[in-house]
Every structure is written in C-alpha cells, then in structure tokens.
C-alpha cells in the first residue's frame, strides 16, 4: 500500500509540474494534477478488463491446440 501511495504522490507531482511548466499557471497545473490521474485510473480499469479477455482467449487457443496435438499423438501400448 505504501508503494501505491508514493506512486500516486509522484504521479500528481509530475502532472502538476508538467502542466505548470507548459502553462505558467498554478491553477491549471493543480486542475490537471487532479483530473489527469483520475481519468488515467478509469482508463486503466478498462484496459485491464480488455487485457484479461485477451489473455484468456490466448490461453484458450494454446490449450485447444495442445489438446489437439496430444489426442492426435495418442499411443496405445500393448504388452
């Protein structure tokens, strides 16, 4: 949790600094520092959902192809 909090502080600081340097306005810098991380958090949530679907589809394709390869190579040993 400490790492998350320190990263959030770092993110706010960078967002404020960049916006302030570009505009020269502390008000705009503060607004950007509050809005940008919030928007980024929402975007990240949806990115993770899409990414999990992608990973699950990839895993299913790998499992399907390995099962097909195994079934086509079945061998019966008779003693």
PDB file of N, CA and C in Angstrom:
ATOM      1  N   UNK A   1       0.811  -1.189   0.000  1.00  0.00           N
ATOM      2  CA  UNK A   1       0.000   0.000   0.000  1.00  0.00           C
ATOM      3  C   UNK A   1       0.862   1.263   0.000  1.00  0.00           C
ATOM      4  N   UNK A   2       1.991   1.217   0.712  1.00  0.00           N
ATOM      5  CA  UNK A   2       2.885   2.368   0.745  1.00  0.00           C
ATOM      6  C   UNK A   2       3.396   2.702  -0.654  1.00  0.00           C
ATOM      7  N   UNK A   3       3.715   1.654  -1.396  1.00  0.00           N
ATOM      8  CA  UNK A   3       4.212   1.860  -2.757  1.00  0.00           C
ATOM      9  C   UNK A   3       3.148   2.547  -3.615  1.00  0.00           C
ATOM     10  N   UNK A   4       1.894   2.144  -3.481  1.00  0.00           N
ATOM     11  CA  UNK A   4       0.800   2.742  -4.248  1.00  0.00           C
ATOM     12  C   UNK A   4       0.629   4.216  -3.887  1.00  0.00           C
ATOM     13  N   UNK A   5       0.686   4.522  -2.617  1.00  0.00           N
ATOM     14  CA  UNK A   5       0.526   5.909  -2.174  1.00  0.00           C
ATOM     15  C   UNK A   5       1.678   6.776  -2.674  1.00  0.00           C
ATOM     16  N   UNK A   6       2.896   6.257  -2.565  1.00  0.00           N
ATOM     17  CA  UNK A   6       4.033   7.054  -3.035  1.00  0.00           C
ATOM     18  C   UNK A   6       3.982   7.234  -4.551  1.00  0.00           C
ATOM     19  N   UNK A   7       3.514   6.219  -5.264  1.00  0.00           N
ATOM     20  CA  UNK A   7       3.390   6.366  -6.713  1.00  0.00           C
ATOM     21  C   UNK A   7       2.329   7.408  -7.056  1.00  0.00           C
ATOM     22  N   UNK A   8       1.220   7.403  -6.336  1.00  0.00           N
ATOM     23  CA  UNK A   8       0.166   8.395  -6.570  1.00  0.00           C
ATOM     24  C   UNK A   8       0.698   9.806  -6.327  1.00  0.00           C
ATOM     25  N   UNK A   9       1.452   9.991  -5.257  1.00  0.00           N
ATOM     26  CA  UNK A   9       2.052  11.314  -4.986  1.00  0.00           C
ATOM     27  C   UNK A   9       2.999  11.720  -6.103  1.00  0.00           C
ATOM     28  N   UNK A  10       3.793  10.790  -6.551  1.00  0.00           N
ATOM     29  CA  UNK A  10       4.715  11.056  -7.655  1.00  0.00           C
ATOM     30  C   UNK A  10       3.946  11.433  -8.922  1.00  0.00           C
ATOM     31  N   UNK A  11       2.876  10.706  -9.198  1.00  0.00           N
ATOM     32  CA  UNK A  11       2.055  10.969 -10.380  1.00  0.00           C
ATOM     33  C   UNK A  11       1.446  12.375 -10.325  1.00  0.00           C
ATOM     34  N   UNK A  12       0.874  12.734  -9.190  1.00  0.00           N
ATOM     35  CA  UNK A  12       0.301  14.069  -9.024  1.00  0.00           C
ATOM     36  C   UNK A  12       1.372  15.148  -9.208  1.00  0.00           C
ATOM     37  N   UNK A  13       2.542  14.913  -8.624  1.00  0.00           N
ATOM     38  CA  UNK A  13       3.632  15.888  -8.720  1.00  0.00           C
ATOM     39  C   UNK A  13       4.089  16.074 -10.162  1.00  0.00           C
ATOM     40  N   UNK A  14       4.257  14.996 -10.874  1.00  0.00           N
ATOM     41  CA  UNK A  14       4.683  15.088 -12.279  1.00  0.00           C
ATOM     42  C   UNK A  14       3.617  15.780 -13.113  1.00  0.00           C
ATOM     43  N   UNK A  15       2.353  15.409 -12.921  1.00  0.00           N
ATOM     44  CA  UNK A  15       1.265  16.035 -13.687  1.00  0.00           C
ATOM     45  C   UNK A  15       1.217  17.533 -13.415  1.00  0.00           C
ATOM     46  N   UNK A  16       1.330  17.922 -12.148  1.00  0.00           N
ATOM     47  CA  UNK A  16       1.309  19.347 -11.804  1.00  0.00           C
ATOM     48  C   UNK A  16       2.497  20.074 -12.430  1.00  0.00           C
ATOM     49  N   UNK A  17       3.672  19.507 -12.293  1.00  0.00           N
ATOM     50  CA  UNK A  17       4.887  20.159 -12.787  1.00  0.00           C
ATOM     51  C   UNK A  17       4.853  20.360 -14.291  1.00  0.00           C
ATOM     52  N   UNK A  18       4.456  19.335 -15.017  1.00  0.00           N
ATOM     53  CA  UNK A  18       4.400  19.440 -16.484  1.00  0.00           C
ATOM     54  C   UNK A  18       3.370  20.490 -16.897  1.00  0.00           C
ATOM     55  N   UNK A  19       2.186  20.439 -16.313  1.00  0.00           N
ATOM     56  CA  UNK A  19       1.146  21.408 -16.672  1.00  0.00           C
ATOM     57  C   UNK A  19       1.563  22.826 -16.287  1.00  0.00           C
ATOM     58  N   UNK A  20       2.178  22.969 -15.141  1.00  0.00           N
ATOM     59  CA  UNK A  20       2.635  24.289 -14.703  1.00  0.00           C
ATOM     60  C   UNK A  20       3.711  24.837 -15.645  1.00  0.00           C
ATOM     61  N   UNK A  21       4.666  23.995 -16.007  1.00  0.00           N
ATOM     62  CA  UNK A  21       5.737  24.437 -16.905  1.00  0.00           C
ATOM     63  C   UNK A  21       5.193  24.810 -18.287  1.00  0.00           C
ATOM     64  N   UNK A  22       4.184  24.093 -18.732  1.00  0.00           N
ATOM     65  CA  UNK A  22       3.612  24.387 -20.056  1.00  0.00           C
ATOM     66  C   UNK A  22       2.735  25.635 -20.056  1.00  0.00           C
ATOM     67  N   UNK A  23       2.046  25.885 -18.944  1.00  0.00           N
ATOM     68  CA  UNK A  23       1.077  26.987 -18.919  1.00  0.00           C
ATOM     69  C   UNK A  23       1.508  28.172 -18.066  1.00  0.00           C
ATOM     70  N   UNK A  24       2.367  27.944 -17.081  1.00  0.00           N
ATOM     71  CA  UNK A  24       2.749  29.003 -16.166  1.00  0.00           C
ATOM     72  C   UNK A  24       1.681  29.303 -15.128  1.00  0.00           C
ATOM     73  N   UNK A  25       0.657  28.473 -15.055  1.00  0.00           N
ATOM     74  CA  UNK A  25      -0.455  28.701 -14.134  1.00  0.00           C
ATOM     75  C   UNK A  25      -0.524  27.584 -13.095  1.00  0.00           C
ATOM     76  N   UNK A  26      -0.466  27.984 -11.813  1.00  0.00           N
ATOM     77  CA  UNK A  26      -0.593  27.000 -10.741  1.00  0.00           C
ATOM     78  C   UNK A  26      -2.008  26.431 -10.682  1.00  0.00           C
ATOM     79  N   UNK A  27      -3.004  27.234 -11.042  1.00  0.00           N
ATOM     80  CA  UNK A  27      -4.399  26.773 -11.032  1.00  0.00           C
ATOM     81  C   UNK A  27      -4.597  25.677 -12.085  1.00  0.00           C
ATOM     82  N   UNK A  28      -4.117  25.938 -13.288  1.00  0.00           N
ATOM     83  CA  UNK A  28      -4.235  24.923 -14.353  1.00  0.00           C
ATOM     84  C   UNK A  28      -3.395  23.701 -13.993  1.00  0.00           C
ATOM     85  N   UNK A  29      -2.202  23.922 -13.464  1.00  0.00           N
ATOM     86  CA  UNK A  29      -1.363  22.800 -13.032  1.00  0.00           C
ATOM     87  C   UNK A  29      -2.059  21.949 -11.991  1.00  0.00           C
ATOM     88  N   UNK A  30      -2.715  22.606 -11.023  1.00  0.00           N
ATOM     89  CA  UNK A  30      -3.448  21.869  -9.991  1.00  0.00           C
ATOM     90  C   UNK A  30      -4.637  21.119 -10.550  1.00  0.00           C
ATOM     91  N   UNK A  31      -5.350  21.758 -11.484  1.00  0.00           N
ATOM     92  CA  UNK A  31      -6.512  21.092 -12.101  1.00  0.00           C
ATOM     93  C   UNK A  31      -6.071  19.860 -12.885  1.00  0.00           C
ATOM     94  N   UNK A  32      -5.012  20.018 -13.648  1.00  0.00           N
ATOM     95  CA  UNK A  32      -4.504  18.878 -14.429  1.00  0.00           C
ATOM     96  C   UNK A  32      -4.018  17.778 -13.487  1.00  0.00           C
ATOM     97  N   UNK A  33      -3.337  18.164 -12.408  1.00  0.00           N
ATOM     98  CA  UNK A  33      -2.825  17.182 -11.451  1.00  0.00           C
ATOM     99  C   UNK A  33      -3.949  16.400 -10.777  1.00  0.00           C
ATOM    100  N   UNK A  34      -5.135  16.977 -10.678  1.00  0.00           N
ATOM    101  CA  UNK A  34      -6.266  16.261 -10.091  1.00  0.00           C
ATOM    102  C   UNK A  34      -7.041  15.458 -11.130  1.00  0.00           C
ATOM    103  N   UNK A  35      -7.248  16.041 -12.305  1.00  0.00           N
ATOM    104  CA  UNK A  35      -8.088  15.405 -13.326  1.00  0.00           C
ATOM    105  C   UNK A  35      -7.356  14.278 -14.047  1.00  0.00           C
ATOM    106  N   UNK A  36      -6.137  14.529 -14.459  1.00  0.00           N
ATOM    107  CA  UNK A  36      -5.410  13.541 -15.280  1.00  0.00           C
ATOM    108  C   UNK A  36      -5.243  12.199 -14.572  1.00  0.00           C
ATOM    109  N   UNK A  37      -4.786  12.143 -13.317  1.00  0.00           N
ATOM    110  CA  UNK A  37      -4.679  10.838 -12.652  1.00  0.00           C
ATOM    111  C   UNK A  37      -6.036  10.146 -12.465  1.00  0.00           C
ATOM    112  N   UNK A  38      -7.084  10.912 -12.226  1.00  0.00           N
ATOM    113  CA  UNK A  38      -8.415  10.312 -12.074  1.00  0.00           C
ATOM    114  C   UNK A  38      -8.864   9.669 -13.386  1.00  0.00           C
ATOM    115  N   UNK A  39      -8.690  10.394 -14.480  1.00  0.00           N
ATOM    116  CA  UNK A  39      -9.059   9.851 -15.798  1.00  0.00           C
ATOM    117  C   UNK A  39      -8.185   8.638 -16.120  1.00  0.00           C
ATOM    118  N   UNK A  40      -6.906   8.742 -15.808  1.00  0.00           N
ATOM    119  CA  UNK A  40      -5.987   7.639 -16.063  1.00  0.00           C
ATOM    120  C   UNK A  40      -6.394   6.388 -15.296  1.00  0.00           C
ATOM    121  N   UNK A  41      -6.884   6.549 -14.088  1.00  0.00           N
ATOM    122  CA  UNK A  41      -7.324   5.417 -13.275  1.00  0.00           C
ATOM    123  C   UNK A  41      -8.507   4.705 -13.921  1.00  0.00           C
ATOM    124  N   UNK A  42      -9.458   5.463 -14.422  1.00  0.00           N
ATOM    125  CA  UNK A  42     -10.629   4.877 -15.090  1.00  0.00           C
ATOM    126  C   UNK A  42     -10.203   4.157 -16.373  1.00  0.00           C
ATOM    127  N   UNK A  43      -9.338   4.797 -17.143  1.00  0.00           N
ATOM    128  CA  UNK A  43      -8.862   4.183 -18.387  1.00  0.00           C
ATOM    129  C   UNK A  43      -8.108   2.890 -18.075  1.00  0.00           C
ATOM    130  N   UNK A  44      -7.295   2.910 -17.026  1.00  0.00           N
ATOM    131  CA  UNK A  44      -6.540   1.720 -16.646  1.00  0.00           C
ATOM    132  C   UNK A  44      -7.465   0.564 -16.285  1.00  0.00           C
ATOM    133  N   UNK A  45      -8.574   0.857 -15.596  1.00  0.00           N
ATOM    134  CA  UNK A  45      -9.545  -0.180 -15.228  1.00  0.00           C
ATOM    135  C   UNK A  45     -10.067  -0.896 -16.483  1.00  0.00           C
ATOM    136  N   UNK A  46     -10.477  -0.118 -17.482  1.00  0.00           N
ATOM    137  CA  UNK A  46     -10.995  -0.733 -18.707  1.00  0.00           C
ATOM    138  C   UNK A  46      -9.894  -1.423 -19.499  1.00  0.00           C
ATOM    139  N   UNK A  47      -8.698  -0.873 -19.463  1.00  0.00           N
ATOM    140  CA  UNK A  47      -7.557  -1.510 -20.126  1.00  0.00           C
ATOM    141  C   UNK A  47      -7.321  -2.898 -19.530  1.00  0.00           C
ATOM    142  N   UNK A  48      -7.364  -3.002 -18.208  1.00  0.00           N
ATOM    143  CA  UNK A  48      -7.167  -4.288 -17.543  1.00  0.00           C
ATOM    144  C   UNK A  48      -8.249  -5.299 -17.912  1.00  0.00           C
ATOM    145  N   UNK A  49      -9.487  -4.844 -18.006  1.00  0.00           N
ATOM    146  CA  UNK A  49     -10.584  -5.748 -18.390  1.00  0.00           C
ATOM    147  C   UNK A  49     -10.365  -6.301 -19.789  1.00  0.00           C
ATOM    148  N   UNK A  50     -10.010  -5.418 -20.727  1.00  0.00           N
ATOM    149  CA  UNK A  50      -9.765  -5.856 -22.109  1.00  0.00           C
ATOM    150  C   UNK A  50      -8.559  -6.791 -22.143  1.00  0.00           C
ATOM    151  N   UNK A  51      -7.519  -6.447 -21.411  1.00  0.00           N
ATOM    152  CA  UNK A  51      -6.296  -7.249 -21.414  1.00  0.00           C
ATOM    153  C   UNK A  51      -6.560  -8.649 -20.859  1.00  0.00           C
ATOM    154  N   UNK A  52      -7.382  -8.762 -19.804  1.00  0.00           N
ATOM    155  CA  UNK A  52      -7.713 -10.076 -19.242  1.00  0.00           C
ATOM    156  C   UNK A  52      -8.473 -10.926 -20.248  1.00  0.00           C
ATOM    157  N   UNK A  53      -9.375 -10.315 -21.010  1.00  0.00           N
ATOM    158  CA  UNK A  53     -10.094 -11.057 -22.056  1.00  0.00           C
ATOM    159  C   UNK A  53      -9.116 -11.552 -23.115  1.00  0.00           C
ATOM    160  N   UNK A  54      -8.183 -10.685 -23.500  1.00  0.00           N
ATOM    161  CA  UNK A  54      -7.175 -11.053 -24.493  1.00  0.00           C
ATOM    162  C   UNK A  54      -6.326 -12.219 -23.994  1.00  0.00           C
ATOM    163  N   UNK A  55      -5.875 -12.150 -22.737  1.00  0.00           N
ATOM    164  CA  UNK A  55      -5.063 -13.226 -22.170  1.00  0.00           C
ATOM    165  C   UNK A  55      -5.851 -14.530 -22.079  1.00  0.00           C
ATOM    166  N   UNK A  56      -7.113 -14.430 -21.706  1.00  0.00           N
ATOM    167  CA  UNK A  56      -7.925 -15.632 -21.593  1.00  0.00           C
ATOM    168  C   UNK A  56      -8.162 -16.278 -22.954  1.00  0.00           C
ATOM    169  N   UNK A  57      -8.379 -15.461 -23.980  1.00  0.00           N
ATOM    170  CA  UNK A  57      -8.551 -16.002 -25.333  1.00  0.00           C
ATOM    171  C   UNK A  57      -7.266 -16.648 -25.820  1.00  0.00           C
ATOM    172  N   UNK A  58      -6.131 -16.034 -25.536  1.00  0.00           N
ATOM    173  CA  UNK A  58      -4.841 -16.597 -25.937  1.00  0.00           C
ATOM    174  C   UNK A  58      -4.593 -17.920 -25.229  1.00  0.00           C
ATOM    175  N   UNK A  59      -4.908 -17.983 -23.945  1.00  0.00           N
ATOM    176  CA  UNK A  59      -4.722 -19.215 -23.178  1.00  0.00           C
ATOM    177  C   UNK A  59      -5.629 -20.320 -23.712  1.00  0.00           C
ATOM    178  N   UNK A  60      -6.867 -19.973 -24.071  1.00  0.00           N
ATOM    179  CA  UNK A  60      -7.787 -20.972 -24.625  1.00  0.00           C
ATOM    180  C   UNK A  60      -7.277 -21.509 -25.951  1.00  0.00           C
ATOM    181  N   UNK A  61      -6.721 -20.654 -26.789  1.00  0.00           N
ATOM    182  CA  UNK A  61      -6.184 -21.102 -28.077  1.00  0.00           C
ATOM    183  C   UNK A  61      -5.003 -22.039 -27.870  1.00  0.00           C
ATOM    184  N   UNK A  62      -4.144 -21.711 -26.911  1.00  0.00           N
ATOM    185  CA  UNK A  62      -2.987 -22.560 -26.633  1.00  0.00           C
ATOM    186  C   UNK A  62      -3.452 -23.903 -26.091  1.00  0.00           C
ATOM    187  N   UNK A  63      -4.420 -23.894 -25.168  1.00  0.00           N
ATOM    188  CA  UNK A  63      -4.936 -25.144 -24.601  1.00  0.00           C
ATOM    189  C   UNK A  63      -5.612 -25.991 -25.665  1.00  0.00           C
ATOM    190  N   UNK A  64      -6.397 -25.370 -26.538  1.00  0.00           N
ATOM    191  CA  UNK A  64      -7.071 -26.110 -27.599  1.00  0.00           C
ATOM    192  C   UNK A  64      -6.064 -26.755 -28.547  1.00  0.00           C
ATOM    193  N   UNK A  65      -5.040 -26.037 -28.928  1.00  0.00           N
ATOM    194  CA  UNK A  65      -4.065 -26.582 -29.866  1.00  0.00           C
ATOM    195  C   UNK A  65      -3.233 -27.674 -29.212  1.00  0.00           C
ATOM    196  N   UNK A  66      -2.901 -27.556 -27.927  1.00  0.00           N
ATOM    197  CA  UNK A  66      -2.120 -28.596 -27.260  1.00  0.00           C
ATOM    198  C   UNK A  66      -2.970 -29.840 -27.042  1.00  0.00           C
ATOM    199  N   UNK A  67      -4.262 -29.690 -26.778  1.00  0.00           N
ATOM    200  CA  UNK A  67      -5.138 -30.848 -26.621  1.00  0.00           C
ATOM    201  C   UNK A  67      -5.281 -31.582 -27.943  1.00  0.00           C
ATOM    202  N   UNK A  68      -5.383 -30.854 -29.042  1.00  0.00           N
ATOM    203  CA  UNK A  68      -5.497 -31.480 -30.354  1.00  0.00           C
ATOM    204  C   UNK A  68      -4.211 -32.224 -30.685  1.00  0.00           C
ATOM    205  N   UNK A  69      -3.080 -31.642 -30.388  1.00  0.00           N
ATOM    206  CA  UNK A  69      -1.799 -32.296 -30.662  1.00  0.00           C
ATOM    207  C   UNK A  69      -1.673 -33.555 -29.826  1.00  0.00           C
ATOM    208  N   UNK A  70      -2.084 -33.520 -28.568  1.00  0.00           N
ATOM    209  CA  UNK A  70      -1.989 -34.680 -27.703  1.00  0.00           C
ATOM    210  C   UNK A  70      -2.903 -35.792 -28.191  1.00  0.00           C
ATOM    211  N   UNK A  71      -4.136 -35.461 -28.556  1.00  0.00           N
ATOM    212  CA  UNK A  71      -5.062 -36.503 -28.976  1.00  0.00           C
ATOM    213  C   UNK A  71      -4.636 -37.124 -30.298  1.00  0.00           C
ATOM    214  N   UNK A  72      -3.972 -36.393 -31.155  1.00  0.00           N
ATOM    215  CA  UNK A  72      -3.561 -36.959 -32.422  1.00  0.00           C
ATOM    216  C   UNK A  72      -2.297 -37.807 -32.264  1.00  0.00           C
ATOM    217  N   UNK A  73      -1.612 -37.669 -31.149  1.00  0.00           N
ATOM    218  CA  UNK A  73      -0.388 -38.448 -30.901  1.00  0.00           C
ATOM    219  C   UNK A  73      -0.589 -39.543 -29.860  1.00  0.00           C
ATOM    220  N   UNK A  74      -1.834 -39.850 -29.539  1.00  0.00           N
ATOM    221  CA  UNK A  74      -2.092 -40.894 -28.542  1.00  0.00           C
ATOM    222  C   UNK A  74      -1.490 -42.223 -29.028  1.00  0.00           C
ATOM    223  N   UNK A  75      -0.874 -42.903 -28.108  1.00  0.00           N
ATOM    224  CA  UNK A  75      -0.309 -44.208 -28.439  1.00  0.00           C
ATOM    225  C   UNK A  75      -0.830 -45.223 -27.444  1.00  0.00           C
ATOM    226  N   UNK A  76      -1.125 -46.405 -27.920  1.00  0.00           N
ATOM    227  CA  UNK A  76      -1.597 -47.453 -27.044  1.00  0.00           C
ATOM    228  C   UNK A  76      -0.487 -48.486 -26.949  1.00  0.00           C
ATOM    229  N   UNK A  77      -0.082 -48.761 -25.739  1.00  0.00           N
ATOM    230  CA  UNK A  77       0.980 -49.767 -25.536  1.00  0.00           C
ATOM    231  C   UNK A  77       0.333 -51.088 -25.190  1.00  0.00           C
ATOM    232  N   UNK A  78       0.689 -52.095 -25.941  1.00  0.00           N
ATOM    233  CA  UNK A  78       0.175 -53.438 -25.691  1.00  0.00           C
ATOM    234  C   UNK A  78       1.360 -54.300 -25.329  1.00  0.00           C
ATOM    235  N   UNK A  79       1.236 -55.042 -24.228  1.00  0.00           N
ATOM    236  CA  UNK A  79       2.377 -55.884 -23.848  1.00  0.00           C
ATOM    237  C   UNK A  79       2.170 -57.312 -24.266  1.00  0.00           C
TER     238      UNK A  79
END
